[in-house]
Amino acid sequence: MQWLFSLGELAQTAGEIWKWLQTQPTRVIALYGEMGAGKTTFTAALLRAMGSPDVANSPTFSIINHYKTDAGNSVYHMDWYRLNSEEEALDAGVEDALYSGEWCLVEWPQKAERLLPGDVLSFKMETLPDGNRSLAIEIGLKL
């Protein structure tokens, strides 16, 4: 499955993806993409589509940010870019979030892929030459 969109279409695209995500059995999303591909920007738009009043910021230094939706559900946003090992991820409490049953969005998942559940949704984001974005989704497959 693939979406192509401009930054101006991001909110609408995030809304469409949120509708689709609600039909999926997993709640863990691994966000792959180069630096600047728009992973955090997409996460912020998806968080709004989920009904959260919170503003998503990159959890690069804290590893995990916790948000709430208007319905009271939790959303965990993780950034594993600065992780040096899986042990460091475990010490930060990522496993508790990943297996909480709540929505988890993980940037730079390749830093500790073995910790991800087998049914993870892998999102690969790319910036296209024209500045638009491509978002490809695989179910249960780490890219």
C-alpha atoms as a PDB file:
ATOM      1  CA  MET A   1       0.000   0.000   0.000  1.00  0.00           C
ATOM      2  CA  GLN A   2       1.358   3.425  -0.875  1.00  0.00           C
ATOM      3  CA  TRP A   3       0.348   7.060  -0.479  1.00  0.00           C
ATOM      4  CA  LEU A   4       1.825  10.005  -2.384  1.00  0.00           C
ATOM      5  CA  PHE A   5       1.159  13.470  -0.966  1.00  0.00           C
ATOM      6  CA  SER A   6       2.415  17.017  -0.681  1.00  0.00           C
ATOM      7  CA  LEU A   7       3.012  18.677   2.669  1.00  0.00           C
ATOM      8  CA  GLY A   8      -0.168  20.662   2.026  1.00  0.00           C
ATOM      9  CA  GLU A   9      -2.071  17.373   1.832  1.00  0.00           C
ATOM     10  CA  LEU A  10      -0.488  15.945   4.971  1.00  0.00           C
ATOM     11  CA  ALA A  11      -3.460  16.498   7.311  1.00  0.00           C
ATOM     12  CA  GLN A  12      -5.886  14.894   4.855  1.00  0.00           C
ATOM     13  CA  THR A  13      -3.518  11.980   4.196  1.00  0.00           C
ATOM     14  CA  ALA A  14      -2.972  11.420   7.925  1.00  0.00           C
ATOM     15  CA  GLY A  15      -6.755  11.345   8.381  1.00  0.00           C
ATOM     16  CA  GLU A  16      -7.132   8.710   5.651  1.00  0.00           C
ATOM     17  CA  ILE A  17      -4.325   6.632   7.119  1.00  0.00           C
ATOM     18  CA  TRP A  18      -5.856   6.910  10.604  1.00  0.00           C
ATOM     19  CA  LYS A  19      -9.164   5.537   9.287  1.00  0.00           C
ATOM     20  CA  TRP A  20      -7.275   2.617   7.733  1.00  0.00           C
ATOM     21  CA  LEU A  21      -5.159   2.031  10.861  1.00  0.00           C
ATOM     22  CA  GLN A  22      -8.279   1.542  12.959  1.00  0.00           C
ATOM     23  CA  THR A  23      -9.062  -1.566  10.899  1.00  0.00           C
ATOM     24  CA  GLN A  24      -5.668  -3.136  11.642  1.00  0.00           C
ATOM     25  CA  PRO A  25      -4.989  -5.612  14.464  1.00  0.00           C
ATOM     26  CA  THR A  26      -1.652  -4.106  15.495  1.00  0.00           C
ATOM     27  CA  ARG A  27      -0.992  -0.808  17.216  1.00  0.00           C
ATOM     28  CA  VAL A  28       2.763  -0.552  16.598  1.00  0.00           C
ATOM     29  CA  ILE A  29       4.047   1.514  13.688  1.00  0.00           C
ATOM     30  CA  ALA A  30       7.722   1.547  12.704  1.00  0.00           C
ATOM     31  CA  LEU A  31       8.615   4.725  10.796  1.00  0.00           C
ATOM     32  CA  TYR A  32      11.570   4.264   8.455  1.00  0.00           C
ATOM     33  CA  GLY A  33      13.103   7.060   6.429  1.00  0.00           C
ATOM     34  CA  GLU A  34      16.171   9.199   6.037  1.00  0.00           C
ATOM     35  CA  MET A  35      16.758  12.274   8.171  1.00  0.00           C
ATOM     36  CA  GLY A  36      14.353  14.973   6.971  1.00  0.00           C
ATOM     37  CA  ALA A  37      11.905  12.564   5.306  1.00  0.00           C
ATOM     38  CA  GLY A  38       9.096  13.857   7.523  1.00  0.00           C
ATOM     39  CA  LYS A  39       8.665  11.140  10.137  1.00  0.00           C
ATOM     40  CA  THR A  40       8.064  13.523  13.045  1.00  0.00           C
ATOM     41  CA  THR A  41       5.921  15.835  10.911  1.00  0.00           C
ATOM     42  CA  PHE A  42       3.808  12.855   9.845  1.00  0.00           C
ATOM     43  CA  THR A  43       3.559  11.694  13.472  1.00  0.00           C
ATOM     44  CA  ALA A  44       2.283  15.133  14.508  1.00  0.00           C
ATOM     45  CA  ALA A  45      -0.376  15.042  11.773  1.00  0.00           C
ATOM     46  CA  LEU A  46      -1.392  11.490  12.685  1.00  0.00           C
ATOM     47  CA  LEU A  47      -1.638  12.442  16.356  1.00  0.00           C
ATOM     48  CA  ARG A  48      -4.046  15.260  15.405  1.00  0.00           C
ATOM     49  CA  ALA A  49      -6.053  12.824  13.262  1.00  0.00           C
ATOM     50  CA  MET A  50      -6.250  10.492  16.276  1.00  0.00           C
ATOM     51  CA  GLY A  51      -7.932  13.311  18.198  1.00  0.00           C
ATOM     52  CA  SER A  52      -5.095  14.471  20.407  1.00  0.00           C
ATOM     53  CA  PRO A  53      -4.791  18.119  21.398  1.00  0.00           C
ATOM     54  CA  ASP A  54      -1.096  17.532  22.146  1.00  0.00           C
ATOM     55  CA  VAL A  55       1.659  18.808  19.889  1.00  0.00           C
ATOM     56  CA  ALA A  56       4.103  16.080  18.900  1.00  0.00           C
ATOM     57  CA  ASN A  57       7.746  16.917  19.283  1.00  0.00           C
ATOM     58  CA  SER A  58      10.678  14.706  18.488  1.00  0.00           C
ATOM     59  CA  PRO A  59      11.520  12.562  21.524  1.00  0.00           C
ATOM     60  CA  THR A  60      15.155  12.326  20.411  1.00  0.00           C
ATOM     61  CA  PHE A  61      16.567  12.967  23.867  1.00  0.00           C
ATOM     62  CA  SER A  62      13.789  11.518  26.025  1.00  0.00           C
ATOM     63  CA  ILE A  63      13.393   8.424  23.782  1.00  0.00           C
ATOM     64  CA  ILE A  64       9.626   8.240  24.546  1.00  0.00           C
ATOM     65  CA  ASN A  65       6.912  10.895  24.550  1.00  0.00           C
ATOM     66  CA  HIS A  66       3.452  10.042  25.861  1.00  0.00           C
ATOM     67  CA  TYR A  67       0.336  11.726  24.487  1.00  0.00           C
ATOM     68  CA  LYS A  68      -3.375  11.390  25.153  1.00  0.00           C
ATOM     69  CA  THR A  69      -6.275  11.537  22.708  1.00  0.00           C
ATOM     70  CA  ASP A  70      -9.553  13.319  23.434  1.00  0.00           C
ATOM     71  CA  ALA A  71     -11.010   9.868  24.126  1.00  0.00           C
ATOM     72  CA  GLY A  72      -8.375   9.294  26.849  1.00  0.00           C
ATOM     73  CA  ASN A  73      -6.307   6.755  24.917  1.00  0.00           C
ATOM     74  CA  SER A  74      -2.526   6.788  25.105  1.00  0.00           C
ATOM     75  CA  VAL A  75      -0.176   7.236  22.165  1.00  0.00           C
ATOM     76  CA  TYR A  76       3.556   6.619  22.578  1.00  0.00           C
ATOM     77  CA  HIS A  77       5.990   8.320  20.208  1.00  0.00           C
ATOM     78  CA  MET A  78       9.520   6.963  20.300  1.00  0.00           C
ATOM     79  CA  ASP A  79      12.687   8.098  18.589  1.00  0.00           C
ATOM     80  CA  TRP A  80      15.450   5.505  18.696  1.00  0.00           C
ATOM     81  CA  TYR A  81      17.974   7.549  16.690  1.00  0.00           C
ATOM     82  CA  ARG A  82      20.346   8.078  19.623  1.00  0.00           C
ATOM     83  CA  LEU A  83      20.126   4.528  20.994  1.00  0.00           C
ATOM     84  CA  ASN A  84      23.413   2.680  21.187  1.00  0.00           C
ATOM     85  CA  SER A  85      21.977  -0.751  21.999  1.00  0.00           C
ATOM     86  CA  GLU A  86      18.819  -2.748  22.560  1.00  0.00           C
ATOM     87  CA  GLU A  87      19.696  -2.786  26.254  1.00  0.00           C
ATOM     88  CA  GLU A  88      19.547   1.010  26.307  1.00  0.00           C
ATOM     89  CA  ALA A  89      16.081   0.828  24.709  1.00  0.00           C
ATOM     90  CA  LEU A  90      14.925  -1.661  27.323  1.00  0.00           C
ATOM     91  CA  ASP A  91      16.294   0.546  30.112  1.00  0.00           C
ATOM     92  CA  ALA A  92      14.271   3.442  28.679  1.00  0.00           C
ATOM     93  CA  GLY A  93      11.078   1.377  28.991  1.00  0.00           C
ATOM     94  CA  VAL A  94      10.274   0.919  25.305  1.00  0.00           C
ATOM     95  CA  GLU A  95       9.106  -2.649  25.802  1.00  0.00           C
ATOM     96  CA  ASP A  96       6.408  -1.524  28.245  1.00  0.00           C
ATOM     97  CA  ALA A  97       5.093   0.915  25.636  1.00  0.00           C
ATOM     98  CA  LEU A  98       5.394  -1.510  22.696  1.00  0.00           C
ATOM     99  CA  TYR A  99       3.356  -4.200  24.445  1.00  0.00           C
ATOM    100  CA  SER A 100       0.902  -1.894  26.247  1.00  0.00           C
ATOM    101  CA  GLY A 101      -1.846  -2.350  23.658  1.00  0.00           C
ATOM    102  CA  GLU A 102      -1.743   1.394  22.997  1.00  0.00           C
ATOM    103  CA  TRP A 103      -0.657   3.087  19.782  1.00  0.00           C
ATOM    104  CA  CYS A 104       3.134   3.293  19.413  1.00  0.00           C
ATOM    105  CA  LEU A 105       4.962   5.190  16.690  1.00  0.00           C
ATOM    106  CA  VAL A 106       8.668   4.399  16.485  1.00  0.00           C
ATOM    107  CA  GLU A 107      11.133   6.514  14.522  1.00  0.00           C
ATOM    108  CA  TRP A 108      14.485   4.907  13.601  1.00  0.00           C
ATOM    109  CA  PRO A 109      13.229   1.397  14.475  1.00  0.00           C
ATOM    110  CA  GLN A 110      16.270  -0.191  12.816  1.00  0.00           C
ATOM    111  CA  LYS A 111      18.269   0.711  15.942  1.00  0.00           C
ATOM    112  CA  ALA A 112      16.512  -2.061  17.935  1.00  0.00           C
ATOM    113  CA  GLU A 113      14.316  -3.947  15.466  1.00  0.00           C
ATOM    114  CA  ARG A 114      14.363  -7.191  17.414  1.00  0.00           C
ATOM    115  CA  LEU A 115      12.277  -5.513  20.116  1.00  0.00           C
ATOM    116  CA  LEU A 116       9.388  -4.829  17.721  1.00  0.00           C
ATOM    117  CA  PRO A 117       6.400  -7.197  17.685  1.00  0.00           C
ATOM    118  CA  GLY A 118       6.055  -9.458  14.661  1.00  0.00           C
ATOM    119  CA  ASP A 119       2.878  -7.761  13.447  1.00  0.00           C
ATOM    120  CA  VAL A 120       4.430  -4.283  13.313  1.00  0.00           C
ATOM    121  CA  LEU A 121       3.261  -1.948  10.547  1.00  0.00           C
ATOM    122  CA  SER A 122       6.336  -0.705   8.696  1.00  0.00           C
ATOM    123  CA  PHE A 123       5.980   2.753   7.164  1.00  0.00           C
ATOM    124  CA  LYS A 124       8.743   3.816   4.785  1.00  0.00           C
ATOM    125  CA  MET A 125       8.788   7.553   4.128  1.00  0.00           C
ATOM    126  CA  GLU A 126      10.712   9.152   1.290  1.00  0.00           C
ATOM    127  CA  THR A 127      11.071  12.657  -0.043  1.00  0.00           C
ATOM    128  CA  LEU A 128      10.559  12.658  -3.801  1.00  0.00           C
ATOM    129  CA  PRO A 129      12.554  14.891  -6.184  1.00  0.00           C
ATOM    130  CA  ASP A 130       9.563  17.251  -6.521  1.00  0.00           C
ATOM    131  CA  GLY A 131       9.377  17.704  -2.720  1.00  0.00           C
ATOM    132  CA  ASN A 132       6.309  15.522  -2.294  1.00  0.00           C
ATOM    133  CA  ARG A 133       6.363  12.508   0.017  1.00  0.00           C
ATOM    134  CA  SER A 134       5.890   8.818  -0.539  1.00  0.00           C
ATOM    135  CA  LEU A 135       4.646   6.586   2.255  1.00  0.00           C
ATOM    136  CA  ALA A 136       4.750   2.831   1.653  1.00  0.00           C
ATOM    137  CA  ILE A 137       3.239   0.440   4.208  1.00  0.00           C
ATOM    138  CA  GLU A 138       4.077  -3.205   4.804  1.00  0.00           C
ATOM    139  CA  ILE A 139       2.312  -5.331   7.411  1.00  0.00           C
ATOM    140  CA  GLY A 140       4.447  -7.520   9.631  1.00  0.00           C
ATOM    141  CA  LEU A 141       7.568  -6.869   7.599  1.00  0.00           C
ATOM    142  CA  LYS A 142      10.518  -4.854   8.749  1.00  0.00           C
ATOM    143  CA  LEU A 143      11.914  -2.827   5.857  1.00  0.00           C
END
